[in-house]
């Protein structure tokens, strides 16, 4: 008899930003990860770093996207018991490939 192991979804919604410097030669994206690589140590096959699509670097960029992790009950319990934190970073990528925070 197989036991069904339900999956839970952790969702981060990235809507938009404010007061960015306008740079027509650059694009912005947001990267989201659990701090201290908690998720990768618990579940090594999961993608612990997720990122948005790149958008134009304007004063008020709009991503309007969701980043989601699917975890099992044991992983969710571990994340909650360790008070795992999420870290969001915004990067600016120039047309020549260089990036800056």
PDB file of N, CA and C in Angstrom:
ATOM      1  N   UNK A   1       0.843  -1.173   0.000  1.00  0.00           N
ATOM      2  CA  UNK A   1       0.000   0.000   0.000  1.00  0.00           C
ATOM      3  C   UNK A   1       0.888   1.235   0.000  1.00  0.00           C
ATOM      4  N   UNK A   2       0.738   2.080  -1.005  1.00  0.00           N
ATOM      5  CA  UNK A   2       1.559   3.290  -1.063  1.00  0.00           C
ATOM      6  C   UNK A   2       0.889   4.418  -0.292  1.00  0.00           C
ATOM      7  N   UNK A   3       1.709   5.221   0.286  1.00  0.00           N
ATOM      8  CA  UNK A   3       1.222   6.323   1.095  1.00  0.00           C
ATOM      9  C   UNK A   3       1.331   7.607   0.282  1.00  0.00           C
ATOM     10  N   UNK A   4       0.258   8.366   0.193  1.00  0.00           N
ATOM     11  CA  UNK A   4       0.272   9.622  -0.552  1.00  0.00           C
ATOM     12  C   UNK A   4       0.941  10.695   0.296  1.00  0.00           C
ATOM     13  N   UNK A   5       1.938  11.344  -0.272  1.00  0.00           N
ATOM     14  CA  UNK A   5       2.657  12.402   0.424  1.00  0.00           C
ATOM     15  C   UNK A   5       2.267  13.739  -0.209  1.00  0.00           C
ATOM     16  N   UNK A   6       1.375  14.499   0.435  1.00  0.00           N
ATOM     17  CA  UNK A   6       0.906  15.743  -0.179  1.00  0.00           C
ATOM     18  C   UNK A   6       2.024  16.781  -0.286  1.00  0.00           C
ATOM     19  N   UNK A   7       1.933  17.594  -1.313  1.00  0.00           N
ATOM     20  CA  UNK A   7       2.886  18.680  -1.500  1.00  0.00           C
ATOM     21  C   UNK A   7       2.232  19.996  -1.104  1.00  0.00           C
ATOM     22  N   UNK A   8       3.024  20.869  -0.546  1.00  0.00           N
ATOM     23  CA  UNK A   8       2.580  22.205  -0.169  1.00  0.00           C
ATOM     24  C   UNK A   8       3.327  23.206  -1.036  1.00  0.00           C
ATOM     25  N   UNK A   9       2.685  24.314  -1.332  1.00  0.00           N
ATOM     26  CA  UNK A   9       3.289  25.324  -2.188  1.00  0.00           C
ATOM     27  C   UNK A   9       3.580  26.576  -1.381  1.00  0.00           C
ATOM     28  N   UNK A  10       4.828  27.027  -1.442  1.00  0.00           N
ATOM     29  CA  UNK A  10       5.240  28.297  -0.837  1.00  0.00           C
ATOM     30  C   UNK A  10       5.329  29.293  -1.981  1.00  0.00           C
ATOM     31  N   UNK A  11       4.540  30.367  -1.898  1.00  0.00           N
ATOM     32  CA  UNK A  11       4.455  31.328  -2.999  1.00  0.00           C
ATOM     33  C   UNK A  11       4.932  32.701  -2.546  1.00  0.00           C
ATOM     34  N   UNK A  12       5.791  33.307  -3.362  1.00  0.00           N
ATOM     35  CA  UNK A  12       6.214  34.698  -3.169  1.00  0.00           C
ATOM     36  C   UNK A  12       5.721  35.465  -4.389  1.00  0.00           C
ATOM     37  N   UNK A  13       4.930  36.504  -4.172  1.00  0.00           N
ATOM     38  CA  UNK A  13       4.418  37.322  -5.265  1.00  0.00           C
ATOM     39  C   UNK A  13       5.253  38.590  -5.366  1.00  0.00           C
ATOM     40  N   UNK A  14       5.834  38.804  -6.534  1.00  0.00           N
ATOM     41  CA  UNK A  14       6.628  40.009  -6.797  1.00  0.00           C
ATOM     42  C   UNK A  14       5.798  40.864  -7.750  1.00  0.00           C
ATOM     43  N   UNK A  15       5.343  42.012  -7.267  1.00  0.00           N
ATOM     44  CA  UNK A  15       4.450  42.850  -8.064  1.00  0.00           C
ATOM     45  C   UNK A  15       5.218  43.940  -8.799  1.00  0.00           C
ATOM     46  N   UNK A  16       5.939  44.775  -8.075  1.00  0.00           N
ATOM     47  CA  UNK A  16       6.646  45.873  -8.736  1.00  0.00           C
ATOM     48  C   UNK A  16       7.630  46.544  -7.803  1.00  0.00           C
ATOM     49  N   UNK A  17       8.279  47.565  -8.313  1.00  0.00           N
ATOM     50  CA  UNK A  17       9.261  48.300  -7.535  1.00  0.00           C
ATOM     51  C   UNK A  17       9.015  49.801  -7.641  1.00  0.00           C
ATOM     52  N   UNK A  18       9.739  50.563  -6.823  1.00  0.00           N
ATOM     53  CA  UNK A  18       9.594  52.018  -6.830  1.00  0.00           C
ATOM     54  C   UNK A  18      10.956  52.679  -6.756  1.00  0.00           C
ATOM     55  N   UNK A  19      11.035  53.841  -7.370  1.00  0.00           N
ATOM     56  CA  UNK A  19      12.185  54.748  -7.259  1.00  0.00           C
ATOM     57  C   UNK A  19      13.501  54.153  -7.763  1.00  0.00           C
ATOM     58  N   UNK A  20      13.449  53.413  -8.843  1.00  0.00           N
ATOM     59  CA  UNK A  20      14.668  52.929  -9.483  1.00  0.00           C
ATOM     60  C   UNK A  20      15.184  54.008 -10.428  1.00  0.00           C
ATOM     61  N   UNK A  21      16.480  54.046 -10.612  1.00  0.00           N
ATOM     62  CA  UNK A  21      17.070  54.972 -11.587  1.00  0.00           C
ATOM     63  C   UNK A  21      16.742  54.465 -12.989  1.00  0.00           C
ATOM     64  N   UNK A  22      16.285  55.358 -13.840  1.00  0.00           N
ATOM     65  CA  UNK A  22      15.946  54.973 -15.216  1.00  0.00           C
ATOM     66  C   UNK A  22      17.232  54.717 -15.996  1.00  0.00           C
ATOM     67  N   UNK A  23      17.317  53.543 -16.614  1.00  0.00           N
ATOM     68  CA  UNK A  23      18.486  53.191 -17.421  1.00  0.00           C
ATOM     69  C   UNK A  23      17.998  52.377 -18.620  1.00  0.00           C
ATOM     70  N   UNK A  24      17.920  53.004 -19.799  1.00  0.00           N
ATOM     71  CA  UNK A  24      17.379  52.301 -20.967  1.00  0.00           C
ATOM     72  C   UNK A  24      18.248  51.142 -21.456  1.00  0.00           C
ATOM     73  N   UNK A  25      19.511  51.088 -21.028  1.00  0.00           N
ATOM     74  CA  UNK A  25      20.418  50.022 -21.464  1.00  0.00           C
ATOM     75  C   UNK A  25      20.470  48.845 -20.494  1.00  0.00           C
ATOM     76  N   UNK A  26      19.597  48.837 -19.496  1.00  0.00           N
ATOM     77  CA  UNK A  26      19.667  47.789 -18.472  1.00  0.00           C
ATOM     78  C   UNK A  26      18.299  47.148 -18.254  1.00  0.00           C
ATOM     79  N   UNK A  27      18.348  45.952 -17.687  1.00  0.00           N
ATOM     80  CA  UNK A  27      17.132  45.229 -17.316  1.00  0.00           C
ATOM     81  C   UNK A  27      17.249  44.830 -15.847  1.00  0.00           C
ATOM     82  N   UNK A  28      16.113  44.691 -15.199  1.00  0.00           N
ATOM     83  CA  UNK A  28      16.054  44.327 -13.786  1.00  0.00           C
ATOM     84  C   UNK A  28      15.438  42.943 -13.615  1.00  0.00           C
ATOM     85  N   UNK A  29      15.914  42.226 -12.598  1.00  0.00           N
ATOM     86  CA  UNK A  29      15.242  40.990 -12.196  1.00  0.00           C
ATOM     87  C   UNK A  29      15.403  40.814 -10.696  1.00  0.00           C
ATOM     88  N   UNK A  30      14.497  40.049 -10.106  1.00  0.00           N
ATOM     89  CA  UNK A  30      14.506  39.788  -8.667  1.00  0.00           C
ATOM     90  C   UNK A  30      14.818  38.315  -8.457  1.00  0.00           C
ATOM     91  N   UNK A  31      15.731  38.064  -7.523  1.00  0.00           N
ATOM     92  CA  UNK A  31      16.120  36.700  -7.169  1.00  0.00           C
ATOM     93  C   UNK A  31      15.636  36.440  -5.748  1.00  0.00           C
ATOM     94  N   UNK A  32      15.061  35.277  -5.511  1.00  0.00           N
ATOM     95  CA  UNK A  32      14.523  34.937  -4.199  1.00  0.00           C
ATOM     96  C   UNK A  32      15.091  33.589  -3.766  1.00  0.00           C
ATOM     97  N   UNK A  33      15.544  33.529  -2.522  1.00  0.00           N
ATOM     98  CA  UNK A  33      16.116  32.282  -1.995  1.00  0.00           C
ATOM     99  C   UNK A  33      15.867  32.200  -0.495  1.00  0.00           C
ATOM    100  N   UNK A  34      15.925  30.987   0.018  1.00  0.00           N
ATOM    101  CA  UNK A  34      15.900  30.804   1.459  1.00  0.00           C
ATOM    102  C   UNK A  34      17.304  31.075   1.973  1.00  0.00           C
ATOM    103  N   UNK A  35      17.423  31.815   3.068  1.00  0.00           N
ATOM    104  CA  UNK A  35      18.736  32.138   3.605  1.00  0.00           C
ATOM    105  C   UNK A  35      19.399  30.890   4.166  1.00  0.00           C
ATOM    106  N   UNK A  36      20.704  30.908   4.204  1.00  0.00           N
ATOM    107  CA  UNK A  36      21.520  29.818   4.755  1.00  0.00           C
ATOM    108  C   UNK A  36      21.319  28.493   4.019  1.00  0.00           C
ATOM    109  N   UNK A  37      20.838  28.538   2.796  1.00  0.00           N
ATOM    110  CA  UNK A  37      20.634  27.334   1.977  1.00  0.00           C
ATOM    111  C   UNK A  37      19.865  26.244   2.720  1.00  0.00           C
ATOM    112  N   UNK A  38      18.885  26.645   3.514  1.00  0.00           N
ATOM    113  CA  UNK A  38      18.096  25.696   4.291  1.00  0.00           C
ATOM    114  C   UNK A  38      17.390  24.706   3.375  1.00  0.00           C
ATOM    115  N   UNK A  39      16.773  25.198   2.313  1.00  0.00           N
ATOM    116  CA  UNK A  39      16.003  24.324   1.435  1.00  0.00           C
ATOM    117  C   UNK A  39      16.887  23.327   0.705  1.00  0.00           C
ATOM    118  N   UNK A  40      18.069  23.742   0.269  1.00  0.00           N
ATOM    119  CA  UNK A  40      18.938  22.823  -0.477  1.00  0.00           C
ATOM    120  C   UNK A  40      19.510  21.721   0.414  1.00  0.00           C
ATOM    121  N   UNK A  41      19.663  21.971   1.714  1.00  0.00           N
ATOM    122  CA  UNK A  41      20.155  20.923   2.607  1.00  0.00           C
ATOM    123  C   UNK A  41      19.050  19.934   2.964  1.00  0.00           C
ATOM    124  N   UNK A  42      17.804  20.405   3.005  1.00  0.00           N
ATOM    125  CA  UNK A  42      16.683  19.525   3.333  1.00  0.00           C
ATOM    126  C   UNK A  42      16.284  18.700   2.118  1.00  0.00           C
ATOM    127  N   UNK A  43      16.162  19.368   0.989  1.00  0.00           N
ATOM    128  CA  UNK A  43      15.689  18.733  -0.240  1.00  0.00           C
ATOM    129  C   UNK A  43      16.650  19.079  -1.371  1.00  0.00           C
ATOM    130  N   UNK A  44      17.712  18.288  -1.563  1.00  0.00           N
ATOM    131  CA  UNK A  44      18.763  18.642  -2.520  1.00  0.00           C
ATOM    132  C   UNK A  44      18.308  18.745  -3.971  1.00  0.00           C
ATOM    133  N   UNK A  45      17.233  18.045  -4.365  1.00  0.00           N
ATOM    134  CA  UNK A  45      16.805  18.125  -5.757  1.00  0.00           C
ATOM    135  C   UNK A  45      15.890  19.312  -6.035  1.00  0.00           C
ATOM    136  N   UNK A  46      15.561  20.111  -5.025  1.00  0.00           N
ATOM    137  CA  UNK A  46      14.701  21.269  -5.266  1.00  0.00           C
ATOM    138  C   UNK A  46      15.545  22.465  -5.705  1.00  0.00           C
ATOM    139  N   UNK A  47      14.927  23.340  -6.462  1.00  0.00           N
ATOM    140  CA  UNK A  47      15.608  24.548  -6.913  1.00  0.00           C
ATOM    141  C   UNK A  47      15.440  25.595  -5.819  1.00  0.00           C
ATOM    142  N   UNK A  48      16.488  25.857  -5.051  1.00  0.00           N
ATOM    143  CA  UNK A  48      16.354  26.746  -3.905  1.00  0.00           C
ATOM    144  C   UNK A  48      16.422  28.220  -4.274  1.00  0.00           C
ATOM    145  N   UNK A  49      16.886  28.553  -5.488  1.00  0.00           N
ATOM    146  CA  UNK A  49      16.954  29.943  -5.931  1.00  0.00           C
ATOM    147  C   UNK A  49      16.038  30.113  -7.138  1.00  0.00           C
ATOM    148  N   UNK A  50      15.073  31.022  -7.003  1.00  0.00           N
ATOM    149  CA  UNK A  50      14.162  31.314  -8.104  1.00  0.00           C
ATOM    150  C   UNK A  50      14.307  32.780  -8.482  1.00  0.00           C
ATOM    151  N   UNK A  51      14.044  33.107  -9.743  1.00  0.00           N
ATOM    152  CA  UNK A  51      14.147  34.505 -10.171  1.00  0.00           C
ATOM    153  C   UNK A  51      13.033  34.845 -11.152  1.00  0.00           C
ATOM    154  N   UNK A  52      12.752  36.140 -11.235  1.00  0.00           N
ATOM    155  CA  UNK A  52      11.728  36.637 -12.146  1.00  0.00           C
ATOM    156  C   UNK A  52      12.309  36.786 -13.539  1.00  0.00           C
ATOM    157  N   UNK A  53      11.453  37.066 -14.492  1.00  0.00           N
ATOM    158  CA  UNK A  53      11.912  37.437 -15.824  1.00  0.00           C
ATOM    159  C   UNK A  53      12.506  38.839 -15.750  1.00  0.00           C
ATOM    160  N   UNK A  54      13.367  39.168 -16.687  1.00  0.00           N
ATOM    161  CA  UNK A  54      13.967  40.501 -16.731  1.00  0.00           C
ATOM    162  C   UNK A  54      12.971  41.490 -17.324  1.00  0.00           C
ATOM    163  N   UNK A  55      12.930  42.691 -16.722  1.00  0.00           N
ATOM    164  CA  UNK A  55      12.076  43.773 -17.222  1.00  0.00           C
ATOM    165  C   UNK A  55      12.937  45.008 -17.455  1.00  0.00           C
ATOM    166  N   UNK A  56      12.412  45.950 -18.217  1.00  0.00           N
ATOM    167  CA  UNK A  56      13.126  47.200 -18.487  1.00  0.00           C
ATOM    168  C   UNK A  56      13.379  47.948 -17.181  1.00  0.00           C
ATOM    169  N   UNK A  57      14.531  48.596 -17.077  1.00  0.00           N
ATOM    170  CA  UNK A  57      14.844  49.365 -15.875  1.00  0.00           C
ATOM    171  C   UNK A  57      14.255  50.762 -16.014  1.00  0.00           C
ATOM    172  N   UNK A  58      13.077  50.925 -15.441  1.00  0.00           N
ATOM    173  CA  UNK A  58      12.374  52.204 -15.405  1.00  0.00           C
ATOM    174  C   UNK A  58      12.162  52.580 -13.944  1.00  0.00           C
ATOM    175  N   UNK A  59      11.605  53.756 -13.686  1.00  0.00           N
ATOM    176  CA  UNK A  59      11.429  54.223 -12.307  1.00  0.00           C
ATOM    177  C   UNK A  59      10.531  53.307 -11.477  1.00  0.00           C
ATOM    178  N   UNK A  60       9.474  52.786 -12.109  1.00  0.00           N
ATOM    179  CA  UNK A  60       8.530  51.922 -11.404  1.00  0.00           C
ATOM    180  C   UNK A  60       8.345  50.614 -12.189  1.00  0.00           C
ATOM    181  N   UNK A  61       9.307  49.690 -12.096  1.00  0.00           N
ATOM    182  CA  UNK A  61       9.199  48.442 -12.872  1.00  0.00           C
ATOM    183  C   UNK A  61       8.074  47.551 -12.345  1.00  0.00           C
ATOM    184  N   UNK A  62       7.463  46.802 -13.250  1.00  0.00           N
ATOM    185  CA  UNK A  62       6.381  45.888 -12.881  1.00  0.00           C
ATOM    186  C   UNK A  62       6.768  44.474 -13.310  1.00  0.00           C
ATOM    187  N   UNK A  63       6.838  43.576 -12.319  1.00  0.00           N
ATOM    188  CA  UNK A  63       7.106  42.168 -12.607  1.00  0.00           C
ATOM    189  C   UNK A  63       5.797  41.383 -12.657  1.00  0.00           C
ATOM    190  N   UNK A  64       4.948  41.582 -11.664  1.00  0.00           N
ATOM    191  CA  UNK A  64       3.647  40.922 -11.561  1.00  0.00           C
ATOM    192  C   UNK A  64       3.767  39.417 -11.821  1.00  0.00           C
ATOM    193  N   UNK A  65       4.545  38.759 -10.972  1.00  0.00           N
ATOM    194  CA  UNK A  65       4.778  37.324 -11.135  1.00  0.00           C
ATOM    195  C   UNK A  65       4.821  36.633  -9.772  1.00  0.00           C
ATOM    196  N   UNK A  66       4.709  35.322  -9.800  1.00  0.00           N
ATOM    197  CA  UNK A  66       4.796  34.526  -8.580  1.00  0.00           C
ATOM    198  C   UNK A  66       5.949  33.541  -8.693  1.00  0.00           C
ATOM    199  N   UNK A  67       6.684  33.410  -7.607  1.00  0.00           N
ATOM    200  CA  UNK A  67       7.752  32.415  -7.499  1.00  0.00           C
ATOM    201  C   UNK A  67       7.247  31.362  -6.517  1.00  0.00           C
ATOM    202  N   UNK A  68       7.363  30.087  -6.870  1.00  0.00           N
ATOM    203  CA  UNK A  68       6.756  29.049  -6.035  1.00  0.00           C
ATOM    204  C   UNK A  68       7.684  27.858  -5.843  1.00  0.00           C
ATOM    205  N   UNK A  69       7.693  27.358  -4.621  1.00  0.00           N
ATOM    206  CA  UNK A  69       8.401  26.126  -4.283  1.00  0.00           C
ATOM    207  C   UNK A  69       7.349  25.109  -3.861  1.00  0.00           C
ATOM    208  N   UNK A  70       7.477  23.880  -4.322  1.00  0.00           N
ATOM    209  CA  UNK A  70       6.627  22.792  -3.850  1.00  0.00           C
ATOM    210  C   UNK A  70       7.457  21.938  -2.905  1.00  0.00           C
ATOM    211  N   UNK A  71       6.964  21.793  -1.683  1.00  0.00           N
ATOM    212  CA  UNK A  71       7.697  21.039  -0.664  1.00  0.00           C
ATOM    213  C   UNK A  71       6.757  20.032  -0.017  1.00  0.00           C
ATOM    214  N   UNK A  72       7.342  18.974   0.532  1.00  0.00           N
ATOM    215  CA  UNK A  72       6.521  18.000   1.238  1.00  0.00           C
ATOM    216  C   UNK A  72       6.312  18.462   2.679  1.00  0.00           C
ATOM    217  N   UNK A  73       5.524  17.704   3.420  1.00  0.00           N
ATOM    218  CA  UNK A  73       5.162  18.104   4.775  1.00  0.00           C
ATOM    219  C   UNK A  73       6.381  18.182   5.696  1.00  0.00           C
ATOM    220  N   UNK A  74       7.301  17.246   5.557  1.00  0.00           N
ATOM    221  CA  UNK A  74       8.500  17.237   6.403  1.00  0.00           C
ATOM    222  C   UNK A  74       9.355  18.483   6.145  1.00  0.00           C
ATOM    223  N   UNK A  75       9.536  18.834   4.874  1.00  0.00           N
ATOM    224  CA  UNK A  75      10.328  20.016   4.529  1.00  0.00           C
ATOM    225  C   UNK A  75       9.654  21.283   5.042  1.00  0.00           C
ATOM    226  N   UNK A  76       8.333  21.379   4.868  1.00  0.00           N
ATOM    227  CA  UNK A  76       7.601  22.548   5.366  1.00  0.00           C
ATOM    228  C   UNK A  76       7.748  22.668   6.877  1.00  0.00           C
ATOM    229  N   UNK A  77       7.642  21.545   7.579  1.00  0.00           N
ATOM    230  CA  UNK A  77       7.793  21.560   9.033  1.00  0.00           C
ATOM    231  C   UNK A  77       9.194  22.039   9.429  1.00  0.00           C
ATOM    232  N   UNK A  78      10.218  21.561   8.725  1.00  0.00           N
ATOM    233  CA  UNK A  78      11.594  21.971   9.022  1.00  0.00           C
ATOM    234  C   UNK A  78      11.786  23.461   8.755  1.00  0.00           C
ATOM    235  N   UNK A  79      11.265  23.948   7.642  1.00  0.00           N
ATOM    236  CA  UNK A  79      11.382  25.377   7.327  1.00  0.00           C
ATOM    237  C   UNK A  79      10.711  26.229   8.399  1.00  0.00           C
ATOM    238  N   UNK A  80       9.542  25.799   8.849  1.00  0.00           N
ATOM    239  CA  UNK A  80       8.822  26.569   9.871  1.00  0.00           C
ATOM    240  C   UNK A  80       9.510  26.478  11.230  1.00  0.00           C
ATOM    241  N   UNK A  81      10.001  25.301  11.600  1.00  0.00           N
ATOM    242  CA  UNK A  81      10.629  25.149  12.916  1.00  0.00           C
ATOM    243  C   UNK A  81      11.973  25.872  12.997  1.00  0.00           C
ATOM    244  N   UNK A  82      12.658  26.020  11.854  1.00  0.00           N
ATOM    245  CA  UNK A  82      13.934  26.747  11.843  1.00  0.00           C
ATOM    246  C   UNK A  82      13.741  28.234  11.558  1.00  0.00           C
ATOM    247  N   UNK A  83      12.513  28.664  11.426  1.00  0.00           N
ATOM    248  CA  UNK A  83      12.192  30.056  11.110  1.00  0.00           C
ATOM    249  C   UNK A  83      12.978  30.498   9.884  1.00  0.00           C
ATOM    250  N   UNK A  84      12.925  29.707   8.851  1.00  0.00           N
ATOM    251  CA  UNK A  84      13.675  29.995   7.624  1.00  0.00           C
ATOM    252  C   UNK A  84      13.216  31.325   7.029  1.00  0.00           C
ATOM    253  N   UNK A  85      14.175  32.134   6.647  1.00  0.00           N
ATOM    254  CA  UNK A  85      13.890  33.451   6.071  1.00  0.00           C
ATOM    255  C   UNK A  85      14.089  33.430   4.566  1.00  0.00           C
ATOM    256  N   UNK A  86      13.326  34.256   3.895  1.00  0.00           N
ATOM    257  CA  UNK A  86      13.494  34.441   2.459  1.00  0.00           C
ATOM    258  C   UNK A  86      14.287  35.713   2.218  1.00  0.00           C
ATOM    259  N   UNK A  87      15.166  35.666   1.247  1.00  0.00           N
ATOM    260  CA  UNK A  87      15.971  36.834   0.888  1.00  0.00           C
ATOM    261  C   UNK A  87      15.657  37.189  -0.556  1.00  0.00           C
ATOM    262  N   UNK A  88      15.220  38.420  -0.786  1.00  0.00           N
ATOM    263  CA  UNK A  88      14.958  38.900  -2.132  1.00  0.00           C
ATOM    264  C   UNK A  88      16.018  39.922  -2.493  1.00  0.00           C
ATOM    265  N   UNK A  89      16.630  39.757  -3.659  1.00  0.00           N
ATOM    266  CA  UNK A  89      17.631  40.698  -4.153  1.00  0.00           C
ATOM    267  C   UNK A  89      17.221  41.137  -5.545  1.00  0.00           C
ATOM    268  N   UNK A  90      17.431  42.418  -5.822  1.00  0.00           N
ATOM    269  CA  UNK A  90      17.130  42.953  -7.139  1.00  0.00           C
ATOM    270  C   UNK A  90      18.447  43.239  -7.851  1.00  0.00           C
ATOM    271  N   UNK A  91      18.557  42.772  -9.086  1.00  0.00           N
ATOM    272  CA  UNK A  91      19.777  42.964  -9.863  1.00  0.00           C
ATOM    273  C   UNK A  91      19.477  43.757 -11.119  1.00  0.00           C
ATOM    274  N   UNK A  92      20.441  44.570 -11.502  1.00  0.00           N
ATOM    275  CA  UNK A  92      20.381  45.312 -12.754  1.00  0.00           C
ATOM    276  C   UNK A  92      21.440  44.731 -13.677  1.00  0.00           C
ATOM    277  N   UNK A  93      21.018  44.316 -14.877  1.00  0.00           N
ATOM    278  CA  UNK A  93      21.939  43.717 -15.837  1.00  0.00           C
ATOM    279  C   UNK A  93      22.063  44.661 -17.022  1.00  0.00           C
ATOM    280  N   UNK A  94      23.298  45.099 -17.289  1.00  0.00           N
ATOM    281  CA  UNK A  94      23.552  45.984 -18.425  1.00  0.00           C
ATOM    282  C   UNK A  94      23.532  45.191 -19.720  1.00  0.00           C
ATOM    283  N   UNK A  95      23.415  45.888 -20.825  1.00  0.00           N
ATOM    284  CA  UNK A  95      23.377  45.216 -22.129  1.00  0.00           C
ATOM    285  C   UNK A  95      24.700  44.520 -22.453  1.00  0.00           C
ATOM    286  N   UNK A  96      25.797  44.939 -21.795  1.00  0.00           N
ATOM    287  CA  UNK A  96      27.089  44.283 -22.033  1.00  0.00           C
ATOM    288  C   UNK A  96      27.290  43.061 -21.133  1.00  0.00           C
ATOM    289  N   UNK A  97      26.286  42.715 -20.316  1.00  0.00           N
ATOM    290  CA  UNK A  97      26.353  41.504 -19.506  1.00  0.00           C
ATOM    291  C   UNK A  97      26.740  41.725 -18.059  1.00  0.00           C
ATOM    292  N   UNK A  98      27.246  42.902 -17.709  1.00  0.00           N
ATOM    293  CA  UNK A  98      27.613  43.176 -16.325  1.00  0.00           C
ATOM    294  C   UNK A  98      26.381  43.361 -15.465  1.00  0.00           C
ATOM    295  N   UNK A  99      26.462  42.942 -14.215  1.00  0.00           N
ATOM    296  CA  UNK A  99      25.312  43.118 -13.327  1.00  0.00           C
ATOM    297  C   UNK A  99      25.735  43.860 -12.080  1.00  0.00           C
ATOM    298  N   UNK A 100      24.771  44.537 -11.491  1.00  0.00           N
ATOM    299  CA  UNK A 100      25.010  45.239 -10.236  1.00  0.00           C
ATOM    300  C   UNK A 100      23.752  45.177  -9.410  1.00  0.00           C
ATOM    301  N   UNK A 101      23.897  45.390  -8.119  1.00  0.00           N
ATOM    302  CA  UNK A 101      22.778  45.309  -7.197  1.00  0.00           C
ATOM    303  C   UNK A 101      22.136  46.659  -7.052  1.00  0.00           C
TER     304      UNK A 101
END
